[in-house]
Amino acid sequence: MNAGGSETLTRFTLLCRRCDRPLTVRQEWVGREVRCPYCWSVMRVSSLPGRGRSVRAAEPSLAERRCFNFACPRCDCLLEAHTGMSGQPAQCPTCAARLRIPHLRGRLGLPEPAELLSAEAETPTPVHAYAASGQHAPRIVSGPDGTAVIECPRCAAHSPVDADTCTACGTPFTIEAASSVGQLRRDVRAGAAIALGIVGVVLCPTVLPAAAAVWLGLQSSLFAGPGRRSLLGLLGTGLGVAGLLGAAAFWYWALK
């Protein structure tokens, strides 16, 4: 009895603004734009009606929609949304946590931190990055020779069954391969380490570029934790060490 009453409170009737047909919508869809299955017109779920009443849909927003990326507050993986989705609840396809899509703020249009709505500790984290996407999840199929392979949900290419990413388009299969804010930070540090390392080798008497390359390279590789080390960071560290050795040799002979 209580379950039925709760279900009634979470759903209500919305009247299409074009064909006036009644549509059943969910309470959490308020402010969201939906499409009428009868006339295919786009409308906005305006507000909650009174008990037992229906509400007429509002006109869709005419504001320009801007696409942006934000980090999942639970697993730190990068997610994509647009401004028409801001403020709406969603689910991370990587860790299945429920979150609220953030708004953009400031003149630069940077996204606010996403709000974590629920992330049960006992909820198992999916093995595959797209496991929560249902039919869009990677599938294990048999290849021409009968061996098991992963079929990419984006380009349908086949990859080895132990692959972390698609060999054709780079779509991540596992959480370790999914793009995250931490990975972007490591990549930026690795790129800066390589650039400063090259400068440190060319201008070896100036010690600072080479020292900075070593520091950033270590931050990107050795200090990133097991399974997350960056080969580019190691390359930047090597260039920085070469620059420091060149600086030591230069000043040794210059002061001798």
C-alpha atoms as a PDB file:
ATOM      1  CA  MET A   1       0.000   0.000   0.000  1.00  0.00           C
ATOM      2  CA  ASN A   2       2.746   2.424   0.965  1.00  0.00           C
ATOM      3  CA  ALA A   3       4.865   1.367  -1.984  1.00  0.00           C
ATOM      4  CA  GLY A   4       2.054   2.186  -4.391  1.00  0.00           C
ATOM      5  CA  GLY A   5       1.489   5.590  -2.803  1.00  0.00           C
ATOM      6  CA  SER A   6       5.200   6.362  -2.999  1.00  0.00           C
ATOM      7  CA  GLU A   7       5.231   5.378  -6.676  1.00  0.00           C
ATOM      8  CA  THR A   8       2.277   7.709  -7.327  1.00  0.00           C
ATOM      9  CA  LEU A   9       4.094  10.610  -5.685  1.00  0.00           C
ATOM     10  CA  THR A  10       7.213  10.105  -7.821  1.00  0.00           C
ATOM     11  CA  ARG A  11       5.240  10.119 -11.105  1.00  0.00           C
ATOM     12  CA  PHE A  12       2.740  12.619 -12.436  1.00  0.00           C
ATOM     13  CA  THR A  13       0.935  13.521 -15.666  1.00  0.00           C
ATOM     14  CA  LEU A  14       2.384  16.050 -18.076  1.00  0.00           C
ATOM     15  CA  LEU A  15       0.296  17.466 -20.934  1.00  0.00           C
ATOM     16  CA  CYS A  16       2.133  17.901 -24.221  1.00  0.00           C
ATOM     17  CA  ARG A  17       2.233  21.569 -25.217  1.00  0.00           C
ATOM     18  CA  ARG A  18       1.593  20.685 -28.855  1.00  0.00           C
ATOM     19  CA  CYS A  19      -0.805  17.713 -29.047  1.00  0.00           C
ATOM     20  CA  ASP A  20      -2.263  17.883 -25.495  1.00  0.00           C
ATOM     21  CA  ARG A  21      -1.746  14.177 -24.929  1.00  0.00           C
ATOM     22  CA  PRO A  22      -1.054  13.082 -21.332  1.00  0.00           C
ATOM     23  CA  LEU A  23       2.419  11.757 -20.630  1.00  0.00           C
ATOM     24  CA  THR A  24       3.643  10.056 -17.473  1.00  0.00           C
ATOM     25  CA  VAL A  25       6.882  11.591 -16.229  1.00  0.00           C
ATOM     26  CA  ARG A  26       9.041  11.220 -13.145  1.00  0.00           C
ATOM     27  CA  GLN A  27       9.460  13.785 -10.408  1.00  0.00           C
ATOM     28  CA  GLU A  28      13.223  13.981 -10.929  1.00  0.00           C
ATOM     29  CA  TRP A  29      12.616  15.068 -14.540  1.00  0.00           C
ATOM     30  CA  VAL A  30      11.435  18.548 -13.449  1.00  0.00           C
ATOM     31  CA  GLY A  31      13.490  21.099 -15.407  1.00  0.00           C
ATOM     32  CA  ARG A  32      14.537  18.503 -17.963  1.00  0.00           C
ATOM     33  CA  GLU A  33      13.624  18.598 -21.627  1.00  0.00           C
ATOM     34  CA  VAL A  34      11.770  15.548 -22.984  1.00  0.00           C
ATOM     35  CA  ARG A  35      10.316  14.531 -26.336  1.00  0.00           C
ATOM     36  CA  CYS A  36       6.658  13.626 -26.858  1.00  0.00           C
ATOM     37  CA  PRO A  37       6.386  10.043 -28.215  1.00  0.00           C
ATOM     38  CA  TYR A  38       3.268  11.012 -30.224  1.00  0.00           C
ATOM     39  CA  CYS A  39       4.111  14.280 -32.005  1.00  0.00           C
ATOM     40  CA  TRP A  40       7.896  14.298 -31.390  1.00  0.00           C
ATOM     41  CA  SER A  41       7.875  17.862 -30.102  1.00  0.00           C
ATOM     42  CA  VAL A  42      10.436  18.878 -27.491  1.00  0.00           C
ATOM     43  CA  MET A  43       9.102  20.311 -24.223  1.00  0.00           C
ATOM     44  CA  ARG A  44      10.320  21.045 -20.715  1.00  0.00           C
ATOM     45  CA  VAL A  45       8.905  19.463 -17.561  1.00  0.00           C
ATOM     46  CA  SER A  46       7.991  22.718 -15.857  1.00  0.00           C
ATOM     47  CA  SER A  47       6.989  22.046 -12.240  1.00  0.00           C
ATOM     48  CA  LEU A  48       5.342  19.597  -9.877  1.00  0.00           C
ATOM     49  CA  PRO A  49       1.513  19.636  -9.935  1.00  0.00           C
ATOM     50  CA  GLY A  50      -0.837  19.365  -7.007  1.00  0.00           C
ATOM     51  CA  ARG A  51      -1.888  15.922  -5.824  1.00  0.00           C
ATOM     52  CA  GLY A  52      -3.981  14.153  -8.451  1.00  0.00           C
ATOM     53  CA  ARG A  53      -3.581  16.948 -11.000  1.00  0.00           C
ATOM     54  CA  SER A  54      -1.707  17.279 -14.261  1.00  0.00           C
ATOM     55  CA  VAL A  55       0.571  20.075 -15.424  1.00  0.00           C
ATOM     56  CA  ARG A  56       1.140  21.515 -18.891  1.00  0.00           C
ATOM     57  CA  ALA A  57       4.618  21.285 -20.342  1.00  0.00           C
ATOM     58  CA  ALA A  58       6.644  24.456 -20.822  1.00  0.00           C
ATOM     59  CA  GLU A  59       8.560  25.598 -23.877  1.00  0.00           C
ATOM     60  CA  PRO A  60      12.085  24.221 -24.251  1.00  0.00           C
ATOM     61  CA  SER A  61      14.959  26.482 -23.375  1.00  0.00           C
ATOM     62  CA  LEU A  62      16.311  28.581 -26.248  1.00  0.00           C
ATOM     63  CA  ALA A  63      19.646  29.144 -24.552  1.00  0.00           C
ATOM     64  CA  GLU A  64      22.709  27.866 -26.362  1.00  0.00           C
ATOM     65  CA  ARG A  65      23.871  24.525 -25.026  1.00  0.00           C
ATOM     66  CA  ARG A  66      27.546  24.253 -24.219  1.00  0.00           C
ATOM     67  CA  CYS A  67      29.264  20.899 -23.883  1.00  0.00           C
ATOM     68  CA  PHE A  68      31.709  20.457 -21.017  1.00  0.00           C
ATOM     69  CA  ASN A  69      33.565  17.774 -19.083  1.00  0.00           C
ATOM     70  CA  PHE A  70      33.492  17.233 -15.342  1.00  0.00           C
ATOM     71  CA  ALA A  71      34.893  14.694 -12.910  1.00  0.00           C
ATOM     72  CA  CYS A  72      32.856  12.017 -11.183  1.00  0.00           C
ATOM     73  CA  PRO A  73      32.986  12.829  -7.436  1.00  0.00           C
ATOM     74  CA  ARG A  74      33.520   9.153  -6.614  1.00  0.00           C
ATOM     75  CA  CYS A  75      35.950   7.663  -9.155  1.00  0.00           C
ATOM     76  CA  ASP A  76      37.354  10.914 -10.669  1.00  0.00           C
ATOM     77  CA  CYS A  77      36.649   9.720 -14.236  1.00  0.00           C
ATOM     78  CA  LEU A  78      35.846  12.347 -16.863  1.00  0.00           C
ATOM     79  CA  LEU A  79      32.195  12.607 -17.866  1.00  0.00           C
ATOM     80  CA  GLU A  80      30.604  14.696 -20.625  1.00  0.00           C
ATOM     81  CA  ALA A  81      27.406  16.755 -20.421  1.00  0.00           C
ATOM     82  CA  HIS A  82      25.876  19.955 -21.790  1.00  0.00           C
ATOM     83  CA  THR A  83      24.379  22.955 -20.040  1.00  0.00           C
ATOM     84  CA  GLY A  84      20.846  21.723 -20.689  1.00  0.00           C
ATOM     85  CA  MET A  85      21.578  18.800 -18.360  1.00  0.00           C
ATOM     86  CA  SER A  86      22.997  20.884 -15.477  1.00  0.00           C
ATOM     87  CA  GLY A  87      21.308  20.281 -12.154  1.00  0.00           C
ATOM     88  CA  GLN A  88      19.843  16.931 -13.195  1.00  0.00           C
ATOM     89  CA  PRO A  89      20.647  13.623 -11.480  1.00  0.00           C
ATOM     90  CA  ALA A  90      22.721  11.113 -13.436  1.00  0.00           C
ATOM     91  CA  GLN A  91      24.737   7.943 -12.971  1.00  0.00           C
ATOM     92  CA  CYS A  92      28.435   7.540 -13.628  1.00  0.00           C
ATOM     93  CA  PRO A  93      28.923   4.830 -16.287  1.00  0.00           C
ATOM     94  CA  THR A  94      32.251   3.849 -14.726  1.00  0.00           C
ATOM     95  CA  CYS A  95      31.506   3.368 -11.002  1.00  0.00           C
ATOM     96  CA  ALA A  96      27.658   3.509 -11.027  1.00  0.00           C
ATOM     97  CA  ALA A  97      27.580   6.331  -8.462  1.00  0.00           C
ATOM     98  CA  ARG A  98      24.561   8.665  -8.616  1.00  0.00           C
ATOM     99  CA  LEU A  99      25.518  12.314  -8.977  1.00  0.00           C
ATOM    100  CA  ARG A 100      24.106  15.696  -9.891  1.00  0.00           C
ATOM    101  CA  ILE A 101      25.419  17.248 -13.112  1.00  0.00           C
ATOM    102  CA  PRO A 102      27.115  20.554 -12.207  1.00  0.00           C
ATOM    103  CA  HIS A 103      26.500  24.048 -13.544  1.00  0.00           C
ATOM    104  CA  LEU A 104      29.105  26.199 -15.247  1.00  0.00           C
ATOM    105  CA  ARG A 105      30.393  29.175 -13.320  1.00  0.00           C
ATOM    106  CA  GLY A 106      32.503  32.245 -13.918  1.00  0.00           C
ATOM    107  CA  ARG A 107      33.435  33.974 -17.137  1.00  0.00           C
ATOM    108  CA  LEU A 108      35.576  31.058 -18.204  1.00  0.00           C
ATOM    109  CA  GLY A 109      32.633  28.675 -17.871  1.00  0.00           C
ATOM    110  CA  LEU A 110      34.398  26.181 -15.615  1.00  0.00           C
ATOM    111  CA  PRO A 111      32.155  23.451 -14.145  1.00  0.00           C
ATOM    112  CA  GLU A 112      31.414  23.377 -10.436  1.00  0.00           C
ATOM    113  CA  PRO A 113      32.259  20.194  -8.495  1.00  0.00           C
ATOM    114  CA  ALA A 114      29.627  17.518  -9.118  1.00  0.00           C
ATOM    115  CA  GLU A 115      27.460  16.616  -6.125  1.00  0.00           C
ATOM    116  CA  LEU A 116      27.560  12.967  -5.049  1.00  0.00           C
ATOM    117  CA  LEU A 117      23.999  11.794  -4.428  1.00  0.00           C
ATOM    118  CA  SER A 118      24.629   8.189  -3.451  1.00  0.00           C
ATOM    119  CA  ALA A 119      27.552   5.789  -3.537  1.00  0.00           C
ATOM    120  CA  GLU A 120      26.873   2.777  -1.355  1.00  0.00           C
ATOM    121  CA  ALA A 121      30.061   1.273   0.014  1.00  0.00           C
ATOM    122  CA  GLU A 122      28.774  -2.204  -0.719  1.00  0.00           C
ATOM    123  CA  THR A 123      27.847  -1.350  -4.294  1.00  0.00           C
ATOM    124  CA  PRO A 124      30.270  -3.300  -6.529  1.00  0.00           C
ATOM    125  CA  THR A 125      32.267  -1.218  -8.961  1.00  0.00           C
ATOM    126  CA  PRO A 126      31.786  -2.534 -12.522  1.00  0.00           C
ATOM    127  CA  VAL A 127      34.815  -4.214 -14.054  1.00  0.00           C
ATOM    128  CA  HIS A 128      34.280  -2.507 -17.398  1.00  0.00           C
ATOM    129  CA  ALA A 129      34.182   1.235 -17.804  1.00  0.00           C
ATOM    130  CA  TYR A 130      30.873   1.064 -19.697  1.00  0.00           C
ATOM    131  CA  ALA A 131      29.329  -1.744 -17.638  1.00  0.00           C
ATOM    132  CA  ALA A 132      26.581   0.582 -16.365  1.00  0.00           C
ATOM    133  CA  SER A 133      25.559   1.508 -19.912  1.00  0.00           C
ATOM    134  CA  GLY A 134      23.594  -1.672 -20.571  1.00  0.00           C
ATOM    135  CA  GLN A 135      23.597  -2.494 -24.275  1.00  0.00           C
ATOM    136  CA  HIS A 136      26.477  -0.055 -24.845  1.00  0.00           C
ATOM    137  CA  ALA A 137      28.828  -2.106 -22.671  1.00  0.00           C
ATOM    138  CA  PRO A 138      31.699  -4.027 -24.305  1.00  0.00           C
ATOM    139  CA  ARG A 139      30.744  -7.595 -25.268  1.00  0.00           C
ATOM    140  CA  ILE A 140      32.852 -10.716 -25.192  1.00  0.00           C
ATOM    141  CA  VAL A 141      32.415 -12.497 -28.525  1.00  0.00           C
ATOM    142  CA  SER A 142      34.195 -15.264 -30.425  1.00  0.00           C
ATOM    143  CA  GLY A 143      36.672 -14.257 -33.107  1.00  0.00           C
ATOM    144  CA  PRO A 144      37.110 -15.962 -36.522  1.00  0.00           C
ATOM    145  CA  ASP A 145      39.445 -18.542 -34.972  1.00  0.00           C
ATOM    146  CA  GLY A 146      37.155 -19.213 -32.007  1.00  0.00           C
ATOM    147  CA  THR A 147      39.136 -17.219 -29.450  1.00  0.00           C
ATOM    148  CA  ALA A 148      37.340 -14.785 -27.132  1.00  0.00           C
ATOM    149  CA  VAL A 149      37.700 -11.092 -28.030  1.00  0.00           C
ATOM    150  CA  ILE A 150      36.160  -7.819 -26.829  1.00  0.00           C
ATOM    151  CA  GLU A 151      33.806  -6.078 -29.256  1.00  0.00           C
ATOM    152  CA  CYS A 152      34.014  -2.291 -28.920  1.00  0.00           C
ATOM    153  CA  PRO A 153      30.603  -0.645 -28.301  1.00  0.00           C
ATOM    154  CA  ARG A 154      31.688   2.430 -30.265  1.00  0.00           C
ATOM    155  CA  CYS A 155      33.322   1.136 -33.453  1.00  0.00           C
ATOM    156  CA  ALA A 156      32.581  -2.646 -33.246  1.00  0.00           C
ATOM    157  CA  ALA A 157      36.287  -3.449 -33.673  1.00  0.00           C
ATOM    158  CA  HIS A 158      37.677  -6.556 -31.965  1.00  0.00           C
ATOM    159  CA  SER A 159      40.442  -6.365 -29.360  1.00  0.00           C
ATOM    160  CA  PRO A 160      42.195  -9.014 -27.247  1.00  0.00           C
ATOM    161  CA  VAL A 161      40.138 -10.172 -24.296  1.00  0.00           C
ATOM    162  CA  ASP A 162      42.677  -8.726 -21.834  1.00  0.00           C
ATOM    163  CA  ALA A 163      42.853  -5.289 -23.536  1.00  0.00           C
ATOM    164  CA  ASP A 164      42.156  -2.178 -21.440  1.00  0.00           C
ATOM    165  CA  THR A 165      41.264  -0.030 -24.465  1.00  0.00           C
ATOM    166  CA  CYS A 166      39.998  -0.550 -27.999  1.00  0.00           C
ATOM    167  CA  THR A 167      42.904  -1.023 -30.390  1.00  0.00           C
ATOM    168  CA  ALA A 168      41.022   0.878 -33.122  1.00  0.00           C
ATOM    169  CA  CYS A 169      39.433   3.946 -31.486  1.00  0.00           C
ATOM    170  CA  GLY A 170      40.885   3.974 -27.964  1.00  0.00           C
ATOM    171  CA  THR A 171      37.580   3.523 -26.117  1.00  0.00           C
ATOM    172  CA  PRO A 172      38.345   2.436 -22.526  1.00  0.00           C
ATOM    173  CA  PHE A 173      37.174  -1.023 -21.478  1.00  0.00           C
ATOM    174  CA  THR A 174      38.381  -1.020 -17.869  1.00  0.00           C
ATOM    175  CA  ILE A 175      38.275   1.533 -15.099  1.00  0.00           C
ATOM    176  CA  GLU A 176      42.077   1.756 -15.130  1.00  0.00           C
ATOM    177  CA  ALA A 177      41.946   2.893 -18.765  1.00  0.00           C
ATOM    178  CA  ALA A 178      39.034   5.343 -18.356  1.00  0.00           C
ATOM    179  CA  SER A 179      40.026   8.997 -18.665  1.00  0.00           C
ATOM    180  CA  SER A 180      40.186  10.743 -15.321  1.00  0.00           C
ATOM    181  CA  VAL A 181      41.193  14.129 -13.953  1.00  0.00           C
ATOM    182  CA  GLY A 182      44.219  12.521 -12.327  1.00  0.00           C
ATOM    183  CA  GLN A 183      45.336  11.126 -15.665  1.00  0.00           C
ATOM    184  CA  LEU A 184      45.059  14.557 -17.288  1.00  0.00           C
ATOM    185  CA  ARG A 185      47.160  16.060 -14.515  1.00  0.00           C
ATOM    186  CA  ARG A 186      49.799  13.368 -14.976  1.00  0.00           C
ATOM    187  CA  ASP A 187      49.818  13.925 -18.736  1.00  0.00           C
ATOM    188  CA  VAL A 188      50.252  17.679 -18.295  1.00  0.00           C
ATOM    189  CA  ARG A 189      53.128  17.143 -15.863  1.00  0.00           C
ATOM    190  CA  ALA A 190      54.749  14.630 -18.213  1.00  0.00           C
ATOM    191  CA  GLY A 191      54.518  17.025 -21.169  1.00  0.00           C
ATOM    192  CA  ALA A 192      55.975  19.860 -19.106  1.00  0.00           C
ATOM    193  CA  ALA A 193      58.772  17.578 -17.886  1.00  0.00           C
ATOM    194  CA  ILE A 194      59.749  16.672 -21.470  1.00  0.00           C
ATOM    195  CA  ALA A 195      59.696  20.315 -22.599  1.00  0.00           C
ATOM    196  CA  LEU A 196      61.771  21.476 -19.631  1.00  0.00           C
ATOM    197  CA  GLY A 197      64.093  18.495 -20.047  1.00  0.00           C
ATOM    198  CA  ILE A 198      64.854  19.456 -23.647  1.00  0.00           C
ATOM    199  CA  VAL A 199      65.496  23.057 -22.565  1.00  0.00           C
ATOM    200  CA  GLY A 200      67.682  21.781 -19.732  1.00  0.00           C
ATOM    201  CA  VAL A 201      69.808  19.695 -22.120  1.00  0.00           C
ATOM    202  CA  VAL A 202      70.219  22.506 -24.665  1.00  0.00           C
ATOM    203  CA  LEU A 203      70.867  25.177 -22.035  1.00  0.00           C
ATOM    204  CA  CYS A 204      72.678  22.920 -19.606  1.00  0.00           C
ATOM    205  CA  PRO A 205      74.435  25.756 -17.685  1.00  0.00           C
ATOM    206  CA  THR A 206      71.003  26.850 -16.422  1.00  0.00           C
ATOM    207  CA  VAL A 207      70.177  24.248 -13.807  1.00  0.00           C
ATOM    208  CA  LEU A 208      66.590  25.228 -13.069  1.00  0.00           C
ATOM    209  CA  PRO A 209      64.868  23.799 -16.209  1.00  0.00           C
ATOM    210  CA  ALA A 210      66.549  20.423 -15.757  1.00  0.00           C
ATOM    211  CA  ALA A 211      65.718  20.332 -12.034  1.00  0.00           C
ATOM    212  CA  ALA A 212      62.100  21.228 -12.755  1.00  0.00           C
ATOM    213  CA  ALA A 213      61.955  18.493 -15.406  1.00  0.00           C
ATOM    214  CA  VAL A 214      63.148  15.905 -12.876  1.00  0.00           C
ATOM    215  CA  TRP A 215      60.593  17.031 -10.312  1.00  0.00           C
ATOM    216  CA  LEU A 216      57.636  17.070 -12.705  1.00  0.00           C
ATOM    217  CA  GLY A 217      58.693  13.785 -14.282  1.00  0.00           C
ATOM    218  CA  LEU A 218      58.802  12.104 -10.884  1.00  0.00           C
ATOM    219  CA  GLN A 219      55.404  13.550 -10.014  1.00  0.00           C
ATOM    220  CA  SER A 220      53.981  12.129 -13.235  1.00  0.00           C
ATOM    221  CA  SER A 221      55.575   8.692 -13.019  1.00  0.00           C
ATOM    222  CA  LEU A 222      57.170   7.337  -9.854  1.00  0.00           C
ATOM    223  CA  PHE A 223      54.870   9.115  -7.390  1.00  0.00           C
ATOM    224  CA  ALA A 224      51.656   8.329  -9.282  1.00  0.00           C
ATOM    225  CA  GLY A 225      51.122   4.908  -7.705  1.00  0.00           C
ATOM    226  CA  PRO A 226      51.350   1.385  -9.140  1.00  0.00           C
ATOM    227  CA  GLY A 227      49.659   0.859 -12.494  1.00  0.00           C
ATOM    228  CA  ARG A 228      49.458   4.589 -13.151  1.00  0.00           C
ATOM    229  CA  ARG A 229      53.030   5.464 -14.027  1.00  0.00           C
ATOM    230  CA  SER A 230      53.612   7.530 -17.132  1.00  0.00           C
ATOM    231  CA  LEU A 231      56.308   6.532 -19.632  1.00  0.00           C
ATOM    232  CA  LEU A 232      56.392  10.135 -20.839  1.00  0.00           C
ATOM    233  CA  GLY A 233      57.055  11.199 -17.257  1.00  0.00           C
ATOM    234  CA  LEU A 234      59.993   8.801 -17.095  1.00  0.00           C
ATOM    235  CA  LEU A 235      61.291  10.249 -20.373  1.00  0.00           C
ATOM    236  CA  GLY A 236      61.039  13.775 -18.941  1.00  0.00           C
ATOM    237  CA  THR A 237      62.865  12.634 -15.817  1.00  0.00           C
ATOM    238  CA  GLY A 238      65.650  11.136 -17.949  1.00  0.00           C
ATOM    239  CA  LEU A 239      66.036  14.357 -19.945  1.00  0.00           C
ATOM    240  CA  GLY A 240      66.142  16.338 -16.702  1.00  0.00           C
ATOM    241  CA  VAL A 241      68.861  14.075 -15.288  1.00  0.00           C
ATOM    242  CA  ALA A 242      70.847  14.446 -18.527  1.00  0.00           C
ATOM    243  CA  GLY A 243      70.523  18.226 -18.237  1.00  0.00           C
ATOM    244  CA  LEU A 244      71.735  18.149 -14.620  1.00  0.00           C
ATOM    245  CA  LEU A 245      74.723  16.007 -15.601  1.00  0.00           C
ATOM    246  CA  GLY A 246      75.510  18.419 -18.426  1.00  0.00           C
ATOM    247  CA  ALA A 247      75.266  21.369 -16.024  1.00  0.00           C
ATOM    248  CA  ALA A 248      77.574  19.643 -13.542  1.00  0.00           C
ATOM    249  CA  ALA A 249      80.147  18.940 -16.258  1.00  0.00           C
ATOM    250  CA  PHE A 250      79.915  22.499 -17.623  1.00  0.00           C
ATOM    251  CA  TRP A 251      80.416  24.185 -14.263  1.00  0.00           C
ATOM    252  CA  TYR A 252      83.128  21.725 -13.289  1.00  0.00           C
ATOM    253  CA  TRP A 253      85.237  22.664 -16.324  1.00  0.00           C
ATOM    254  CA  ALA A 254      84.274  26.345 -16.080  1.00  0.00           C
ATOM    255  CA  LEU A 255      85.420  26.659 -12.455  1.00  0.00           C
ATOM    256  CA  LYS A 256      88.410  24.376 -12.761  1.00  0.00           C
END
